[in-house]
């Protein structure tokens, strides 16, 4: 039983896991503060959702997290390790998805909602809007990657 506790303790003190959590929370905090100071937050509920759940915006928390993951793995395991190469693949997929696929599907959902609204107004059909999940602009992803790199660097160098 104590072996299981030791394993759990090791997991929650793992610098890679801690750096990833810190990176994600930092990006979400910055995103929340930017929205708060630009007066785009109108309730405590919205503030809470923005900090913990909302996607999109500056900086990309997904990009920050996977960049931190790559950076800390690169320092701990070496850039020639299989696990580092795997993390690079994960980074590329995540960044591509953040900039391309999710953004394109969000734009598509926006247009479908406009068409559905017009059809509904003309009485042709009943329409319930679909969720418009917005991806990131390239600058949001780039800033997220820079944030993630520096957090991963700090966790790796300042053990």
C-alpha atoms as a PDB file:
ATOM      1  CA  UNK A   1       0.000   0.000   0.000  1.00  0.00           C
ATOM      2  CA  UNK A   2       2.816   2.434   0.780  1.00  0.00           C
ATOM      3  CA  UNK A   3       4.257   1.742  -2.680  1.00  0.00           C
ATOM      4  CA  UNK A   4       1.048   3.080  -4.241  1.00  0.00           C
ATOM      5  CA  UNK A   5       1.250   6.208  -2.064  1.00  0.00           C
ATOM      6  CA  UNK A   6       4.873   6.699  -3.064  1.00  0.00           C
ATOM      7  CA  UNK A   7       3.943   6.387  -6.738  1.00  0.00           C
ATOM      8  CA  UNK A   8       1.138   8.939  -6.347  1.00  0.00           C
ATOM      9  CA  UNK A   9       3.482  11.288  -4.489  1.00  0.00           C
ATOM     10  CA  UNK A  10       6.073  10.918  -7.254  1.00  0.00           C
ATOM     11  CA  UNK A  11       3.426  11.644  -9.877  1.00  0.00           C
ATOM     12  CA  UNK A  12       2.265  14.848  -8.199  1.00  0.00           C
ATOM     13  CA  UNK A  13       5.819  16.049  -7.595  1.00  0.00           C
ATOM     14  CA  UNK A  14       6.988  15.250 -11.127  1.00  0.00           C
ATOM     15  CA  UNK A  15       8.514  18.422 -12.594  1.00  0.00           C
ATOM     16  CA  UNK A  16       7.087  17.689 -16.053  1.00  0.00           C
ATOM     17  CA  UNK A  17       3.537  17.378 -14.725  1.00  0.00           C
ATOM     18  CA  UNK A  18       3.963  20.430 -12.472  1.00  0.00           C
ATOM     19  CA  UNK A  19       5.362  22.532 -15.322  1.00  0.00           C
ATOM     20  CA  UNK A  20       2.452  21.552 -17.589  1.00  0.00           C
ATOM     21  CA  UNK A  21      -0.133  22.421 -14.935  1.00  0.00           C
ATOM     22  CA  UNK A  22       1.622  25.720 -14.189  1.00  0.00           C
ATOM     23  CA  UNK A  23       1.827  26.532 -17.897  1.00  0.00           C
ATOM     24  CA  UNK A  24      -1.857  25.858 -18.507  1.00  0.00           C
ATOM     25  CA  UNK A  25      -2.916  27.851 -15.433  1.00  0.00           C
ATOM     26  CA  UNK A  26      -0.607  30.739 -16.377  1.00  0.00           C
ATOM     27  CA  UNK A  27      -2.004  30.945 -19.905  1.00  0.00           C
ATOM     28  CA  UNK A  28      -5.590  30.753 -18.627  1.00  0.00           C
ATOM     29  CA  UNK A  29      -4.830  33.420 -16.009  1.00  0.00           C
ATOM     30  CA  UNK A  30      -3.321  35.756 -18.626  1.00  0.00           C
ATOM     31  CA  UNK A  31      -6.257  35.141 -20.962  1.00  0.00           C
ATOM     32  CA  UNK A  32      -8.697  35.904 -18.139  1.00  0.00           C
ATOM     33  CA  UNK A  33      -6.868  39.090 -17.137  1.00  0.00           C
ATOM     34  CA  UNK A  34      -6.784  40.325 -20.733  1.00  0.00           C
ATOM     35  CA  UNK A  35     -10.547  39.792 -21.052  1.00  0.00           C
ATOM     36  CA  UNK A  36     -11.184  41.302 -17.623  1.00  0.00           C
ATOM     37  CA  UNK A  37      -9.177  44.470 -18.293  1.00  0.00           C
ATOM     38  CA  UNK A  38     -10.721  44.870 -21.741  1.00  0.00           C
ATOM     39  CA  UNK A  39     -14.134  44.743 -20.007  1.00  0.00           C
ATOM     40  CA  UNK A  40     -15.322  41.639 -21.823  1.00  0.00           C
ATOM     41  CA  UNK A  41     -16.249  39.793 -18.610  1.00  0.00           C
ATOM     42  CA  UNK A  42     -19.724  40.579 -17.286  1.00  0.00           C
ATOM     43  CA  UNK A  43     -20.245  38.160 -14.390  1.00  0.00           C
ATOM     44  CA  UNK A  44     -18.416  36.028 -11.866  1.00  0.00           C
ATOM     45  CA  UNK A  45     -19.733  32.922 -13.637  1.00  0.00           C
ATOM     46  CA  UNK A  46     -18.242  34.123 -16.920  1.00  0.00           C
ATOM     47  CA  UNK A  47     -14.941  34.880 -15.153  1.00  0.00           C
ATOM     48  CA  UNK A  48     -14.871  31.374 -13.658  1.00  0.00           C
ATOM     49  CA  UNK A  49     -15.698  29.729 -17.003  1.00  0.00           C
ATOM     50  CA  UNK A  50     -13.055  31.777 -18.765  1.00  0.00           C
ATOM     51  CA  UNK A  51     -10.366  30.793 -16.282  1.00  0.00           C
ATOM     52  CA  UNK A  52     -11.154  27.068 -16.258  1.00  0.00           C
ATOM     53  CA  UNK A  53     -12.979  26.047 -19.429  1.00  0.00           C
ATOM     54  CA  UNK A  54     -13.138  28.486 -22.309  1.00  0.00           C
ATOM     55  CA  UNK A  55     -10.939  27.946 -25.310  1.00  0.00           C
ATOM     56  CA  UNK A  56      -9.623  30.461 -27.801  1.00  0.00           C
ATOM     57  CA  UNK A  57      -8.099  33.828 -27.030  1.00  0.00           C
ATOM     58  CA  UNK A  58      -4.678  35.165 -26.133  1.00  0.00           C
ATOM     59  CA  UNK A  59      -2.525  33.239 -25.288  1.00  0.00           C
ATOM     60  CA  UNK A  60      -3.315  29.696 -26.367  1.00  0.00           C
ATOM     61  CA  UNK A  61      -3.231  27.525 -23.260  1.00  0.00           C
ATOM     62  CA  UNK A  62      -3.128  24.360 -25.377  1.00  0.00           C
ATOM     63  CA  UNK A  63      -0.015  25.579 -27.163  1.00  0.00           C
ATOM     64  CA  UNK A  64       1.579  26.710 -23.900  1.00  0.00           C
ATOM     65  CA  UNK A  65       0.992  23.323 -22.271  1.00  0.00           C
ATOM     66  CA  UNK A  66       2.343  21.172 -25.109  1.00  0.00           C
ATOM     67  CA  UNK A  67       5.347  23.456 -25.602  1.00  0.00           C
ATOM     68  CA  UNK A  68       6.140  23.194 -21.894  1.00  0.00           C
ATOM     69  CA  UNK A  69       5.783  19.418 -22.181  1.00  0.00           C
ATOM     70  CA  UNK A  70       8.247  19.297 -25.095  1.00  0.00           C
ATOM     71  CA  UNK A  71      10.710  21.621 -23.401  1.00  0.00           C
ATOM     72  CA  UNK A  72      10.802  19.775 -20.084  1.00  0.00           C
ATOM     73  CA  UNK A  73      10.984  16.372 -21.772  1.00  0.00           C
ATOM     74  CA  UNK A  74      13.785  17.650 -23.993  1.00  0.00           C
ATOM     75  CA  UNK A  75      15.775  18.754 -20.940  1.00  0.00           C
ATOM     76  CA  UNK A  76      15.072  15.635 -18.863  1.00  0.00           C
ATOM     77  CA  UNK A  77      15.258  12.925 -21.515  1.00  0.00           C
ATOM     78  CA  UNK A  78      17.301  14.566 -24.268  1.00  0.00           C
ATOM     79  CA  UNK A  79      16.256  15.777 -27.677  1.00  0.00           C
ATOM     80  CA  UNK A  80      17.243  12.460 -29.257  1.00  0.00           C
ATOM     81  CA  UNK A  81      14.940  10.419 -27.018  1.00  0.00           C
ATOM     82  CA  UNK A  82      11.891   8.671 -28.383  1.00  0.00           C
ATOM     83  CA  UNK A  83       9.634  10.364 -25.836  1.00  0.00           C
ATOM     84  CA  UNK A  84      10.859  13.804 -26.948  1.00  0.00           C
ATOM     85  CA  UNK A  85      10.111  12.946 -30.587  1.00  0.00           C
ATOM     86  CA  UNK A  86       6.650  11.773 -29.499  1.00  0.00           C
ATOM     87  CA  UNK A  87       6.086  15.066 -27.654  1.00  0.00           C
ATOM     88  CA  UNK A  88       7.128  17.023 -30.768  1.00  0.00           C
ATOM     89  CA  UNK A  89       4.524  15.099 -32.775  1.00  0.00           C
ATOM     90  CA  UNK A  90       1.920  15.888 -30.121  1.00  0.00           C
ATOM     91  CA  UNK A  91       2.953  19.567 -30.230  1.00  0.00           C
ATOM     92  CA  UNK A  92       2.625  19.752 -34.016  1.00  0.00           C
ATOM     93  CA  UNK A  93      -0.816  18.125 -34.008  1.00  0.00           C
ATOM     94  CA  UNK A  94      -2.060  20.388 -31.206  1.00  0.00           C
ATOM     95  CA  UNK A  95      -0.764  23.597 -32.792  1.00  0.00           C
ATOM     96  CA  UNK A  96      -2.108  22.627 -36.218  1.00  0.00           C
ATOM     97  CA  UNK A  97      -5.481  21.874 -34.686  1.00  0.00           C
ATOM     98  CA  UNK A  98      -5.537  25.159 -32.718  1.00  0.00           C
ATOM     99  CA  UNK A  99      -4.763  27.306 -35.747  1.00  0.00           C
ATOM    100  CA  UNK A 100      -6.379  25.354 -38.541  1.00  0.00           C
ATOM    101  CA  UNK A 101      -9.051  22.785 -37.857  1.00  0.00           C
ATOM    102  CA  UNK A 102     -10.752  24.346 -34.820  1.00  0.00           C
ATOM    103  CA  UNK A 103     -10.671  27.816 -36.359  1.00  0.00           C
ATOM    104  CA  UNK A 104     -12.130  26.565 -39.637  1.00  0.00           C
ATOM    105  CA  UNK A 105     -14.904  24.647 -37.881  1.00  0.00           C
ATOM    106  CA  UNK A 106     -15.728  27.720 -35.769  1.00  0.00           C
ATOM    107  CA  UNK A 107     -16.037  29.895 -38.863  1.00  0.00           C
ATOM    108  CA  UNK A 108     -18.165  27.217 -40.521  1.00  0.00           C
ATOM    109  CA  UNK A 109     -20.457  27.036 -37.460  1.00  0.00           C
ATOM    110  CA  UNK A 110     -20.847  30.828 -37.525  1.00  0.00           C
ATOM    111  CA  UNK A 111     -22.031  30.747 -41.150  1.00  0.00           C
ATOM    112  CA  UNK A 112     -24.346  27.802 -40.496  1.00  0.00           C
ATOM    113  CA  UNK A 113     -25.902  29.757 -37.626  1.00  0.00           C
ATOM    114  CA  UNK A 114     -26.448  32.784 -39.896  1.00  0.00           C
ATOM    115  CA  UNK A 115     -28.113  30.620 -42.559  1.00  0.00           C
ATOM    116  CA  UNK A 116     -30.206  28.809 -39.951  1.00  0.00           C
ATOM    117  CA  UNK A 117     -31.304  32.114 -38.403  1.00  0.00           C
ATOM    118  CA  UNK A 118     -32.416  33.466 -41.793  1.00  0.00           C
ATOM    119  CA  UNK A 119     -34.329  30.266 -42.583  1.00  0.00           C
ATOM    120  CA  UNK A 120     -35.949  30.412 -39.158  1.00  0.00           C
ATOM    121  CA  UNK A 121     -36.957  34.079 -39.614  1.00  0.00           C
ATOM    122  CA  UNK A 122     -38.637  33.196 -42.933  1.00  0.00           C
ATOM    123  CA  UNK A 123     -40.566  30.364 -41.248  1.00  0.00           C
ATOM    124  CA  UNK A 124     -38.953  27.715 -43.421  1.00  0.00           C
ATOM    125  CA  UNK A 125     -37.639  25.724 -40.474  1.00  0.00           C
ATOM    126  CA  UNK A 126     -37.066  25.818 -36.737  1.00  0.00           C
ATOM    127  CA  UNK A 127     -33.428  26.377 -35.923  1.00  0.00           C
ATOM    128  CA  UNK A 128     -31.422  25.978 -32.770  1.00  0.00           C
ATOM    129  CA  UNK A 129     -27.943  27.565 -33.085  1.00  0.00           C
ATOM    130  CA  UNK A 130     -24.931  25.293 -32.896  1.00  0.00           C
ATOM    131  CA  UNK A 131     -21.925  26.034 -30.710  1.00  0.00           C
ATOM    132  CA  UNK A 132     -19.310  28.190 -32.380  1.00  0.00           C
ATOM    133  CA  UNK A 133     -15.982  26.908 -31.043  1.00  0.00           C
ATOM    134  CA  UNK A 134     -13.327  29.361 -32.102  1.00  0.00           C
ATOM    135  CA  UNK A 135      -9.766  28.302 -32.658  1.00  0.00           C
ATOM    136  CA  UNK A 136      -6.775  30.583 -32.365  1.00  0.00           C
ATOM    137  CA  UNK A 137      -5.141  33.198 -34.507  1.00  0.00           C
ATOM    138  CA  UNK A 138      -1.500  32.425 -35.313  1.00  0.00           C
ATOM    139  CA  UNK A 139      -0.274  35.156 -32.925  1.00  0.00           C
ATOM    140  CA  UNK A 140      -2.237  33.629 -30.026  1.00  0.00           C
ATOM    141  CA  UNK A 141      -0.613  30.260 -30.678  1.00  0.00           C
ATOM    142  CA  UNK A 142       2.857  31.808 -31.070  1.00  0.00           C
ATOM    143  CA  UNK A 143       2.546  33.668 -27.751  1.00  0.00           C
ATOM    144  CA  UNK A 144       1.268  30.472 -26.106  1.00  0.00           C
ATOM    145  CA  UNK A 145       4.286  28.572 -27.451  1.00  0.00           C
ATOM    146  CA  UNK A 146       6.690  31.250 -26.184  1.00  0.00           C
ATOM    147  CA  UNK A 147       5.040  31.248 -22.761  1.00  0.00           C
ATOM    148  CA  UNK A 148       5.211  27.455 -22.657  1.00  0.00           C
ATOM    149  CA  UNK A 149       8.844  27.377 -23.725  1.00  0.00           C
ATOM    150  CA  UNK A 150       9.948  29.822 -21.035  1.00  0.00           C
ATOM    151  CA  UNK A 151       7.936  28.075 -18.324  1.00  0.00           C
ATOM    152  CA  UNK A 152       9.380  24.711 -19.388  1.00  0.00           C
ATOM    153  CA  UNK A 153      12.849  26.239 -19.451  1.00  0.00           C
ATOM    154  CA  UNK A 154      12.386  27.683 -15.952  1.00  0.00           C
ATOM    155  CA  UNK A 155      11.158  24.358 -14.553  1.00  0.00           C
ATOM    156  CA  UNK A 156      14.054  22.533 -16.213  1.00  0.00           C
ATOM    157  CA  UNK A 157      16.868  24.903 -15.245  1.00  0.00           C
ATOM    158  CA  UNK A 158      15.641  26.054 -11.818  1.00  0.00           C
ATOM    159  CA  UNK A 159      15.092  22.582 -10.353  1.00  0.00           C
END
